[in-house]
Amino acid sequence: MTFCQFGPKSLVRVLALTALMLVSLHSAAAPETVWIDVRTADEFAEGHLPVAVNIPHEVIAGQVAEYAPDKDVQVVLYCRSGRRAEIAKESLEQLGYRQVVNAVDLNGATQLYNTQQLQHSGANDD
């Protein structure tokens, strides 16, 4: 049976259900925060936040959309001292990202991540 054999109402229902499923999948998969370590690959390999991706600050403008296509999602950046994260933050803001945070270093990113996890677990207790 092909779509042509269905009536117009059936086709509309199928399309509506498909759209609903896609929205649900997107909502379930969309991260609330994207964590980016802007250090070099060698520094990243030495230790990083487990949820972080590595995009060196020099190439972040060209690669960020792969991990954060939504410019309204919160993006948290960190490096060793905060300098490279600040450069990356300015690049992302120029691209139109609205919620970019410089967590400075791995310790700062870890503290922020833990705080967010506590807030989420507290919100789920209600």
N, C-alpha and C. Protein backbone atom coordinates (compact mmCIF):
# COMPACT_ATOMS: atom_id res chain seq x y z
N MET A 1 0.85 -1.17 0.00
CA MET A 1 0.00 0.00 0.00
C MET A 1 0.90 1.24 0.00
N THR A 2 0.57 2.24 -0.78
CA THR A 2 1.35 3.47 -0.85
C THR A 2 0.56 4.60 -0.20
N PHE A 3 1.23 5.74 0.00
CA PHE A 3 0.55 6.89 0.59
C PHE A 3 -0.59 7.36 -0.30
N CYS A 4 -0.48 7.14 -1.61
CA CYS A 4 -1.53 7.58 -2.52
C CYS A 4 -2.84 6.82 -2.27
N GLN A 5 -2.74 5.62 -1.70
CA GLN A 5 -3.93 4.82 -1.47
C GLN A 5 -4.64 5.23 -0.17
N PHE A 6 -3.97 5.98 0.68
CA PHE A 6 -4.61 6.49 1.89
C PHE A 6 -5.43 7.72 1.54
N GLY A 7 -6.46 7.97 2.32
CA GLY A 7 -7.23 9.18 2.13
C GLY A 7 -6.49 10.38 2.70
N PRO A 8 -6.92 11.59 2.36
CA PRO A 8 -6.26 12.80 2.85
C PRO A 8 -6.21 12.89 4.37
N LYS A 9 -7.25 12.45 5.06
CA LYS A 9 -7.26 12.52 6.52
C LYS A 9 -6.22 11.57 7.12
N SER A 10 -6.07 10.41 6.54
CA SER A 10 -5.07 9.45 7.03
C SER A 10 -3.67 9.99 6.84
N LEU A 11 -3.44 10.60 5.70
CA LEU A 11 -2.11 11.17 5.44
C LEU A 11 -1.80 12.29 6.43
N VAL A 12 -2.77 13.13 6.71
CA VAL A 12 -2.58 14.22 7.68
C VAL A 12 -2.26 13.64 9.05
N ARG A 13 -2.95 12.57 9.46
CA ARG A 13 -2.68 11.94 10.76
C ARG A 13 -1.26 11.37 10.81
N VAL A 14 -0.84 10.72 9.74
CA VAL A 14 0.50 10.15 9.70
C VAL A 14 1.55 11.25 9.80
N LEU A 15 1.35 12.32 9.07
CA LEU A 15 2.31 13.44 9.12
C LEU A 15 2.32 14.09 10.49
N ALA A 16 1.16 14.25 11.12
CA ALA A 16 1.09 14.86 12.45
C ALA A 16 1.79 13.97 13.47
N LEU A 17 1.57 12.66 13.41
CA LEU A 17 2.24 11.75 14.34
C LEU A 17 3.75 11.73 14.13
N THR A 18 4.17 11.79 12.88
CA THR A 18 5.60 11.82 12.58
C THR A 18 6.23 13.08 13.15
N ALA A 19 5.58 14.22 12.96
CA ALA A 19 6.10 15.47 13.50
C ALA A 19 6.18 15.42 15.01
N LEU A 20 5.15 14.88 15.66
CA LEU A 20 5.13 14.77 17.11
C LEU A 20 6.27 13.88 17.60
N MET A 21 6.50 12.78 16.91
CA MET A 21 7.60 11.88 17.29
C MET A 21 8.95 12.57 17.14
N LEU A 22 9.13 13.33 16.06
CA LEU A 22 10.40 14.03 15.85
C LEU A 22 10.64 15.09 16.92
N VAL A 23 9.59 15.82 17.29
CA VAL A 23 9.72 16.83 18.35
C VAL A 23 10.08 16.15 19.67
N SER A 24 9.43 15.04 19.97
CA SER A 24 9.72 14.32 21.21
C SER A 24 11.14 13.81 21.24
N LEU A 25 11.61 13.26 20.12
CA LEU A 25 12.99 12.77 20.05
C LEU A 25 13.97 13.91 20.22
N HIS A 26 13.70 15.04 19.58
CA HIS A 26 14.59 16.19 19.70
C HIS A 26 14.63 16.69 21.14
N SER A 27 13.49 16.77 21.79
CA SER A 27 13.45 17.25 23.16
C SER A 27 14.20 16.32 24.10
N ALA A 28 14.07 15.01 23.87
CA ALA A 28 14.74 14.04 24.73
C ALA A 28 16.25 14.06 24.51
N ALA A 29 16.67 14.33 23.29
CA ALA A 29 18.10 14.25 22.97
C ALA A 29 18.81 15.59 23.13
N ALA A 30 18.08 16.69 23.13
CA ALA A 30 18.70 18.00 23.17
C ALA A 30 19.30 18.28 24.54
N PRO A 31 20.59 18.55 24.59
CA PRO A 31 21.20 18.83 25.88
C PRO A 31 20.80 20.21 26.38
N GLU A 32 20.72 20.33 27.69
CA GLU A 32 20.42 21.64 28.27
C GLU A 32 21.66 22.50 28.31
N THR A 33 22.82 21.86 28.37
CA THR A 33 24.10 22.56 28.39
C THR A 33 25.09 21.78 27.55
N VAL A 34 25.87 22.50 26.76
CA VAL A 34 26.95 21.90 25.99
C VAL A 34 28.26 22.32 26.65
N TRP A 35 29.06 21.33 27.03
CA TRP A 35 30.32 21.57 27.73
C TRP A 35 31.46 21.42 26.75
N ILE A 36 32.28 22.47 26.61
CA ILE A 36 33.38 22.45 25.64
C ILE A 36 34.69 22.81 26.32
N ASP A 37 35.64 21.90 26.18
CA ASP A 37 37.02 22.11 26.63
C ASP A 37 37.76 22.69 25.43
N VAL A 38 38.24 23.91 25.53
CA VAL A 38 38.87 24.59 24.40
C VAL A 38 40.39 24.46 24.40
N ARG A 39 40.90 23.55 25.21
CA ARG A 39 42.35 23.31 25.24
C ARG A 39 42.75 22.44 24.04
N THR A 40 44.04 22.16 23.95
CA THR A 40 44.54 21.30 22.88
C THR A 40 44.09 19.86 23.13
N ALA A 41 44.20 19.03 22.10
CA ALA A 41 43.84 17.62 22.23
C ALA A 41 44.72 16.92 23.26
N ASP A 42 46.00 17.29 23.34
CA ASP A 42 46.90 16.69 24.34
C ASP A 42 46.47 17.05 25.75
N GLU A 43 46.11 18.31 25.97
CA GLU A 43 45.64 18.74 27.29
C GLU A 43 44.34 18.03 27.65
N PHE A 44 43.45 17.92 26.68
CA PHE A 44 42.18 17.24 26.88
C PHE A 44 42.42 15.79 27.28
N ALA A 45 43.36 15.13 26.63
CA ALA A 45 43.66 13.73 26.92
C ALA A 45 44.21 13.54 28.33
N GLU A 46 44.82 14.56 28.89
CA GLU A 46 45.37 14.48 30.24
C GLU A 46 44.29 14.49 31.31
N GLY A 47 43.10 14.93 30.97
CA GLY A 47 41.99 14.98 31.91
C GLY A 47 40.99 16.04 31.51
N HIS A 48 39.71 15.69 31.60
CA HIS A 48 38.65 16.61 31.20
C HIS A 48 37.35 16.23 31.88
N LEU A 49 36.41 17.12 31.82
CA LEU A 49 35.06 16.84 32.33
C LEU A 49 34.46 15.75 31.45
N PRO A 50 33.94 14.67 32.04
CA PRO A 50 33.44 13.55 31.23
C PRO A 50 32.38 13.91 30.19
N VAL A 51 31.60 14.95 30.44
CA VAL A 51 30.54 15.32 29.49
C VAL A 51 31.03 16.32 28.43
N ALA A 52 32.29 16.72 28.52
CA ALA A 52 32.81 17.75 27.62
C ALA A 52 33.29 17.18 26.30
N VAL A 53 33.17 18.01 25.28
CA VAL A 53 33.79 17.72 23.99
C VAL A 53 35.00 18.64 23.85
N ASN A 54 35.94 18.23 23.04
CA ASN A 54 37.14 19.02 22.84
C ASN A 54 37.08 19.74 21.50
N ILE A 55 37.03 21.07 21.57
CA ILE A 55 37.14 21.90 20.38
C ILE A 55 38.15 23.00 20.72
N PRO A 56 39.38 22.91 20.22
CA PRO A 56 40.36 23.94 20.52
C PRO A 56 39.84 25.34 20.13
N HIS A 57 40.24 26.32 20.92
CA HIS A 57 39.67 27.67 20.74
C HIS A 57 39.92 28.24 19.35
N GLU A 58 40.99 27.81 18.70
CA GLU A 58 41.31 28.36 17.38
C GLU A 58 40.31 27.93 16.30
N VAL A 59 39.62 26.81 16.52
CA VAL A 59 38.72 26.28 15.49
C VAL A 59 37.26 26.22 15.94
N ILE A 60 36.97 26.78 17.09
CA ILE A 60 35.63 26.63 17.67
C ILE A 60 34.53 27.23 16.78
N ALA A 61 34.81 28.34 16.13
CA ALA A 61 33.78 28.98 15.30
C ALA A 61 33.31 28.07 14.17
N GLY A 62 34.21 27.26 13.65
CA GLY A 62 33.85 26.39 12.54
C GLY A 62 33.28 25.05 12.95
N GLN A 63 33.39 24.69 14.24
CA GLN A 63 32.97 23.36 14.67
C GLN A 63 31.86 23.35 15.71
N VAL A 64 31.55 24.46 16.31
CA VAL A 64 30.60 24.48 17.42
C VAL A 64 29.20 24.03 17.02
N ALA A 65 28.77 24.34 15.82
CA ALA A 65 27.40 24.01 15.40
C ALA A 65 27.16 22.50 15.38
N GLU A 66 28.23 21.72 15.26
CA GLU A 66 28.08 20.26 15.29
C GLU A 66 27.56 19.79 16.65
N TYR A 67 27.93 20.49 17.70
CA TYR A 67 27.53 20.11 19.06
C TYR A 67 26.44 21.02 19.63
N ALA A 68 26.36 22.24 19.13
CA ALA A 68 25.38 23.20 19.63
C ALA A 68 24.75 23.94 18.46
N PRO A 69 23.86 23.25 17.72
CA PRO A 69 23.22 23.93 16.60
C PRO A 69 22.23 25.02 17.04
N ASP A 70 21.70 24.88 18.26
CA ASP A 70 20.75 25.85 18.81
C ASP A 70 21.55 26.95 19.51
N LYS A 71 21.45 28.15 19.01
CA LYS A 71 22.22 29.26 19.58
C LYS A 71 21.67 29.77 20.90
N ASP A 72 20.54 29.19 21.35
CA ASP A 72 19.98 29.55 22.65
C ASP A 72 20.37 28.57 23.75
N VAL A 73 21.04 27.47 23.41
CA VAL A 73 21.46 26.50 24.41
C VAL A 73 22.63 27.10 25.20
N GLN A 74 22.73 26.71 26.46
CA GLN A 74 23.85 27.19 27.27
C GLN A 74 25.11 26.45 26.84
N VAL A 75 26.18 27.20 26.59
CA VAL A 75 27.47 26.63 26.24
C VAL A 75 28.45 27.03 27.32
N VAL A 76 29.07 26.03 27.96
CA VAL A 76 30.06 26.30 29.00
C VAL A 76 31.43 25.94 28.44
N LEU A 77 32.34 26.90 28.52
CA LEU A 77 33.70 26.75 28.02
C LEU A 77 34.69 26.74 29.17
N TYR A 78 35.77 26.00 29.01
CA TYR A 78 36.87 26.07 29.98
C TYR A 78 38.18 25.71 29.31
N CYS A 79 39.26 26.12 29.93
CA CYS A 79 40.61 25.79 29.45
C CYS A 79 41.49 25.61 30.67
N ARG A 80 42.70 26.14 30.65
CA ARG A 80 43.60 26.00 31.79
C ARG A 80 43.52 27.21 32.72
N SER A 81 43.45 28.40 32.12
CA SER A 81 43.46 29.61 32.94
C SER A 81 42.26 30.53 32.69
N GLY A 82 41.48 30.23 31.66
CA GLY A 82 40.34 31.08 31.31
C GLY A 82 40.58 31.98 30.12
N ARG A 83 41.85 32.17 29.73
CA ARG A 83 42.17 33.07 28.62
C ARG A 83 41.64 32.54 27.29
N ARG A 84 41.92 31.29 26.98
CA ARG A 84 41.44 30.72 25.72
C ARG A 84 39.92 30.57 25.72
N ALA A 85 39.35 30.25 26.88
CA ALA A 85 37.90 30.15 26.98
C ALA A 85 37.25 31.52 26.72
N GLU A 86 37.89 32.57 27.16
CA GLU A 86 37.35 33.91 26.92
C GLU A 86 37.42 34.27 25.44
N ILE A 87 38.50 33.90 24.77
CA ILE A 87 38.62 34.13 23.32
C ILE A 87 37.52 33.36 22.59
N ALA A 88 37.32 32.10 22.99
CA ALA A 88 36.28 31.27 22.38
C ALA A 88 34.89 31.84 22.66
N LYS A 89 34.68 32.35 23.87
CA LYS A 89 33.40 32.95 24.25
C LYS A 89 33.07 34.12 23.34
N GLU A 90 34.05 34.98 23.10
CA GLU A 90 33.84 36.13 22.23
C GLU A 90 33.51 35.68 20.80
N SER A 91 34.18 34.62 20.33
CA SER A 91 33.89 34.09 18.99
C SER A 91 32.45 33.59 18.90
N LEU A 92 32.02 32.86 19.91
CA LEU A 92 30.66 32.30 19.90
C LEU A 92 29.61 33.41 19.99
N GLU A 93 29.89 34.41 20.80
CA GLU A 93 28.94 35.53 20.91
C GLU A 93 28.83 36.27 19.58
N GLN A 94 29.95 36.39 18.86
CA GLN A 94 29.90 37.03 17.54
C GLN A 94 29.09 36.19 16.55
N LEU A 95 29.04 34.87 16.76
CA LEU A 95 28.23 33.99 15.92
C LEU A 95 26.75 34.00 16.30
N GLY A 96 26.43 34.65 17.43
CA GLY A 96 25.03 34.76 17.85
C GLY A 96 24.63 33.86 19.00
N TYR A 97 25.58 33.15 19.60
CA TYR A 97 25.25 32.34 20.78
C TYR A 97 24.97 33.28 21.94
N ARG A 98 23.87 33.02 22.67
CA ARG A 98 23.40 33.97 23.67
C ARG A 98 23.69 33.58 25.12
N GLN A 99 24.02 32.31 25.35
CA GLN A 99 24.24 31.85 26.74
C GLN A 99 25.61 31.17 26.85
N VAL A 100 26.65 31.93 26.69
CA VAL A 100 28.00 31.38 26.74
C VAL A 100 28.63 31.74 28.08
N VAL A 101 29.18 30.73 28.75
CA VAL A 101 29.77 30.91 30.07
C VAL A 101 31.23 30.49 30.02
N ASN A 102 32.10 31.32 30.58
CA ASN A 102 33.51 30.97 30.73
C ASN A 102 33.67 30.45 32.16
N ALA A 103 33.81 29.12 32.28
CA ALA A 103 33.99 28.51 33.61
C ALA A 103 35.45 28.55 34.05
N VAL A 104 36.30 29.15 33.29
CA VAL A 104 37.72 29.37 33.51
C VAL A 104 38.53 28.09 33.31
N ASP A 105 38.48 27.17 34.26
CA ASP A 105 39.33 25.98 34.18
C ASP A 105 38.52 24.72 34.49
N LEU A 106 39.20 23.58 34.52
CA LEU A 106 38.53 22.31 34.77
C LEU A 106 37.84 22.30 36.13
N ASN A 107 38.48 22.88 37.14
CA ASN A 107 37.85 22.94 38.47
C ASN A 107 36.57 23.76 38.44
N GLY A 108 36.62 24.89 37.77
CA GLY A 108 35.43 25.73 37.67
C GLY A 108 34.31 25.03 36.91
N ALA A 109 34.66 24.33 35.83
CA ALA A 109 33.67 23.60 35.05
C ALA A 109 33.07 22.47 35.88
N THR A 110 33.91 21.78 36.64
CA THR A 110 33.44 20.68 37.48
C THR A 110 32.47 21.19 38.53
N GLN A 111 32.80 22.30 39.17
CA GLN A 111 31.92 22.88 40.19
C GLN A 111 30.58 23.29 39.58
N LEU A 112 30.62 23.93 38.42
CA LEU A 112 29.40 24.35 37.75
C LEU A 112 28.56 23.14 37.34
N TYR A 113 29.21 22.11 36.82
CA TYR A 113 28.50 20.89 36.43
C TYR A 113 27.83 20.25 37.65
N ASN A 114 28.57 20.12 38.74
CA ASN A 114 28.00 19.53 39.96
C ASN A 114 26.83 20.34 40.49
N THR A 115 26.94 21.65 40.44
CA THR A 115 25.85 22.53 40.88
C THR A 115 24.61 22.31 40.03
N GLN A 116 24.79 22.22 38.72
CA GLN A 116 23.65 21.99 37.84
C GLN A 116 23.01 20.62 38.10
N GLN A 117 23.84 19.62 38.36
CA GLN A 117 23.29 18.29 38.63
C GLN A 117 22.47 18.29 39.92
N LEU A 118 22.94 19.00 40.93
CA LEU A 118 22.19 19.11 42.18
C LEU A 118 20.86 19.84 41.97
N GLN A 119 20.90 20.89 41.16
CA GLN A 119 19.68 21.64 40.88
C GLN A 119 18.67 20.77 40.13
N HIS A 120 19.15 19.97 39.17
CA HIS A 120 18.27 19.09 38.41
C HIS A 120 17.68 18.01 39.29
N SER A 121 18.50 17.44 40.16
CA SER A 121 17.98 16.36 41.02
C SER A 121 17.00 16.94 42.02
N GLY A 122 17.23 18.15 42.49
CA GLY A 122 16.29 18.81 43.40
C GLY A 122 14.98 19.14 42.72
N ALA A 123 15.06 19.54 41.45
CA ALA A 123 13.84 19.86 40.69
C ALA A 123 13.03 18.61 40.40
N ASN A 124 13.70 17.47 40.25
CA ASN A 124 12.99 16.23 39.96
C ASN A 124 12.36 15.63 41.22
N ASP A 125 12.74 16.09 42.39
CA ASP A 125 12.17 15.58 43.64
C ASP A 125 10.77 16.10 43.91
N ASP A 126 10.43 17.22 43.27
CA ASP A 126 9.11 17.84 43.52
C ASP A 126 7.99 17.04 42.94
